Amino acid sequence: MENEKPKLVLVVDDEPDVRMFIEAALEDAGFEVVTAGNGHEAYNRVKERAPDFITLDLVMPKQSGALFYLKLCNNKTWCDIPVMIISAHAHDELGEDDFRQLMKGQGAPRPTHFMEKPVRPDELVRVVCETLGLDPSGAVADDATTDARDEVFSKLKGADLKTLKRIRSVLDKEEG
């Protein structure tokens, strides 16, 4: 992926720590990433610039991932964008009905892929690369990086809002 313009991935999830985790994994692999916290924001991001791939949570406030997916599929310009559902609620009362409907392919084509949270960054990158016809061998982080990221993600899941804001501040300073 080094010799070509990076592919754009839209990461849609209402949990900031999950968005940051997936964003970091994909950026480390050389992808350009934009994020959204719900289906409404995601639809606006797609209108601004159509991504090459979308990771999509199902259960979100304001507009669910399922509703966003149906809107996306009903637009001829965007209906061929590969979508990976990433959810912890595909098999419980919060998301099971939406997940089942999407996977049946009724009203819209089935999503390209599904992963259950928590996702492994190496597996996520591999699937995105293969779906986009890219060689994943040069994009996947080494085992030590993957293990460190998994450990940080595990700690982030239990962090309170104040801690998450401090971490975001540190990350923002590194970007600048």
Protein backbone atom coordinates (compact mmCIF):
# COMPACT_ATOMS: atom_id res chain seq x y z
CA MET A 1 0.00 0.00 0.00
CA GLU A 2 3.04 2.28 0.19
CA ASN A 3 3.12 3.17 -3.53
CA GLU A 4 -0.52 4.14 -3.93
CA LYS A 5 -2.97 6.53 -2.36
CA PRO A 6 -4.22 5.03 0.92
CA LYS A 7 -7.66 3.47 0.84
CA LEU A 8 -10.26 5.28 2.95
CA VAL A 9 -12.04 3.34 5.71
CA LEU A 10 -15.03 4.72 7.60
CA VAL A 11 -15.20 3.41 11.19
CA VAL A 12 -18.69 3.72 12.69
CA ASP A 13 -19.11 2.99 16.40
CA ASP A 14 -20.69 4.87 19.29
CA GLU A 15 -17.95 3.86 21.76
CA PRO A 16 -14.99 6.28 21.52
CA ASP A 17 -12.48 3.69 22.76
CA VAL A 18 -13.58 1.17 20.12
CA ARG A 19 -13.39 3.83 17.39
CA MET A 20 -9.87 4.82 18.49
CA PHE A 21 -8.75 1.17 18.66
CA ILE A 22 -10.02 0.29 15.18
CA GLU A 23 -8.77 3.60 13.78
CA ALA A 24 -5.27 2.99 15.19
CA ALA A 25 -5.13 -0.57 13.83
CA LEU A 26 -6.15 0.56 10.36
CA GLU A 27 -3.90 3.65 10.31
CA ASP A 28 -0.94 1.52 11.45
CA ALA A 29 -1.64 -0.66 8.40
CA GLY A 30 -1.53 2.37 6.09
CA PHE A 31 -5.22 3.14 5.65
CA GLU A 32 -6.72 6.60 5.80
CA VAL A 33 -9.51 6.55 8.42
CA VAL A 34 -12.50 8.74 9.21
CA THR A 35 -14.89 8.01 12.05
CA ALA A 36 -18.51 8.47 13.02
CA GLY A 37 -20.37 7.89 16.30
CA ASN A 38 -23.74 6.84 14.83
CA GLY A 39 -25.51 6.11 11.57
CA HIS A 40 -26.50 9.74 11.00
CA GLU A 41 -22.88 10.93 11.29
CA ALA A 42 -21.77 8.04 9.10
CA TYR A 43 -24.20 9.01 6.35
CA ASN A 44 -22.82 12.56 6.42
CA ARG A 45 -19.23 11.25 6.18
CA VAL A 46 -20.17 9.14 3.15
CA LYS A 47 -21.78 12.18 1.51
CA GLU A 48 -18.56 14.15 2.09
CA ARG A 49 -16.36 11.42 0.61
CA ALA A 50 -17.32 7.86 -0.18
CA PRO A 51 -15.04 5.41 1.63
CA ASP A 52 -13.54 2.27 0.13
CA PHE A 53 -14.63 0.18 3.14
CA ILE A 54 -16.86 0.62 6.21
CA THR A 55 -16.72 -1.01 9.65
CA LEU A 56 -20.13 -0.71 11.28
CA ASP A 57 -21.46 -1.24 14.78
CA LEU A 58 -25.12 -2.23 14.97
CA VAL A 59 -26.38 -0.77 18.24
CA MET A 60 -25.90 2.99 18.41
CA PRO A 61 -27.92 6.03 19.52
CA LYS A 62 -29.60 8.47 17.12
CA GLN A 63 -29.42 6.08 14.16
CA SER A 64 -28.57 2.39 14.32
CA GLY A 65 -26.01 0.70 12.16
CA ALA A 66 -28.76 -1.38 10.56
CA LEU A 67 -30.70 1.70 9.46
CA PHE A 68 -27.54 3.34 8.12
CA TYR A 69 -26.70 0.16 6.21
CA LEU A 70 -30.14 0.05 4.60
CA LYS A 71 -29.86 3.73 3.58
CA LEU A 72 -26.41 3.06 2.16
CA CYS A 73 -27.64 0.08 0.13
CA ASN A 74 -30.57 2.06 -1.26
CA ASN A 75 -28.18 4.57 -2.84
CA LYS A 76 -26.87 3.35 -6.22
CA THR A 77 -23.64 5.31 -5.79
CA TRP A 78 -22.75 3.70 -2.44
CA CYS A 79 -24.41 0.28 -2.54
CA ASP A 80 -21.20 -1.51 -3.57
CA ILE A 81 -19.06 -0.23 -0.67
CA PRO A 82 -17.95 -3.29 1.33
CA VAL A 83 -19.30 -3.24 4.90
CA MET A 84 -18.10 -5.25 7.88
CA ILE A 85 -20.46 -5.46 10.83
CA ILE A 86 -18.48 -5.30 14.10
CA SER A 87 -20.75 -5.86 17.07
CA ALA A 88 -20.94 -7.31 20.54
CA HIS A 89 -24.74 -7.49 20.25
CA ALA A 90 -25.33 -9.73 17.24
CA HIS A 91 -26.61 -12.51 19.47
CA ASP A 92 -28.44 -10.69 22.26
CA GLU A 93 -31.67 -8.76 22.67
CA LEU A 94 -30.08 -5.44 21.73
CA GLY A 95 -28.95 -6.33 18.23
CA GLU A 96 -30.01 -9.85 17.33
CA ASP A 97 -33.09 -8.88 15.31
CA ASP A 98 -31.20 -6.28 13.25
CA PHE A 99 -28.28 -8.66 12.73
CA ARG A 100 -30.54 -11.52 11.62
CA GLN A 101 -32.39 -9.27 9.14
CA LEU A 102 -29.15 -7.94 7.64
CA MET A 103 -27.60 -11.39 7.32
CA LYS A 104 -30.70 -12.73 5.56
CA GLY A 105 -30.17 -10.14 2.87
CA GLN A 106 -33.79 -9.02 2.87
CA GLY A 107 -34.23 -5.49 1.57
CA ALA A 108 -30.49 -5.14 0.96
CA PRO A 109 -27.49 -7.31 0.11
CA ARG A 110 -25.82 -9.05 3.05
CA PRO A 111 -22.91 -7.16 4.63
CA THR A 112 -19.55 -8.31 3.29
CA HIS A 113 -18.21 -9.52 6.66
CA PHE A 114 -19.01 -9.86 10.35
CA MET A 115 -16.71 -9.78 13.39
CA GLU A 116 -17.67 -10.12 17.00
CA LYS A 117 -16.17 -7.63 19.47
CA PRO A 118 -13.50 -7.53 20.67
CA VAL A 119 -11.72 -7.77 17.32
CA ARG A 120 -8.08 -8.65 16.82
CA PRO A 121 -6.32 -5.90 14.86
CA ASP A 122 -4.39 -8.36 12.70
CA GLU A 123 -7.59 -10.16 11.68
CA LEU A 124 -9.38 -6.86 11.01
CA VAL A 125 -6.56 -5.60 8.80
CA ARG A 126 -6.30 -8.93 6.98
CA VAL A 127 -10.01 -8.92 6.10
CA VAL A 128 -10.01 -5.27 4.99
CA CYS A 129 -6.91 -5.82 2.84
CA GLU A 130 -8.24 -8.98 1.24
CA THR A 131 -11.61 -7.39 0.55
CA LEU A 132 -9.94 -4.43 -1.16
CA GLY A 133 -7.54 -6.65 -3.11
CA LEU A 134 -4.47 -5.54 -1.16
CA ASP A 135 -1.61 -7.65 0.14
CA PRO A 136 -2.08 -7.88 3.92
CA SER A 137 1.46 -9.16 4.58
CA GLY A 138 3.00 -5.69 4.61
CA ALA A 139 0.11 -4.10 6.47
CA VAL A 140 -0.28 -6.29 9.55
CA ALA A 141 1.50 -5.18 12.72
CA ASP A 142 3.92 -7.58 14.37
CA ASP A 143 2.85 -9.77 17.30
CA ALA A 144 4.40 -7.49 19.94
CA THR A 145 2.48 -4.49 18.57
CA THR A 146 -0.72 -6.49 18.39
CA ASP A 147 -0.29 -7.77 21.95
CA ALA A 148 0.43 -4.27 23.27
CA ARG A 149 -2.59 -2.85 21.44
CA ASP A 150 -4.81 -5.65 22.82
CA GLU A 151 -3.60 -4.91 26.36
CA VAL A 152 -4.25 -1.17 25.99
CA PHE A 153 -7.69 -1.83 24.48
CA SER A 154 -8.57 -4.11 27.38
CA LYS A 155 -7.63 -1.37 29.85
CA LEU A 156 -9.52 1.28 27.86
CA LYS A 157 -12.73 -0.73 28.05
CA GLY A 158 -12.74 -0.29 31.83
CA ALA A 159 -11.56 3.32 31.91
CA ASP A 160 -13.74 6.12 33.20
CA LEU A 161 -14.50 9.27 31.18
CA LYS A 162 -11.84 11.37 32.94
CA THR A 163 -9.12 8.84 32.09
CA LEU A 164 -10.30 8.56 28.48
CA LYS A 165 -10.15 12.35 28.12
CA ARG A 166 -6.58 12.39 29.50
CA ILE A 167 -5.55 9.66 27.06
CA ARG A 168 -7.17 11.52 24.17
CA SER A 169 -5.28 14.67 25.21
CA VAL A 170 -1.96 12.79 25.11
CA LEU A 171 -2.79 11.31 21.71
CA ASP A 172 -3.84 14.71 20.36
CA LYS A 173 -0.50 16.20 21.49
CA GLU A 174 1.38 13.42 19.65
CA GLU A 175 -0.51 14.26 16.44
CA GLY A 176 0.43 17.94 16.63
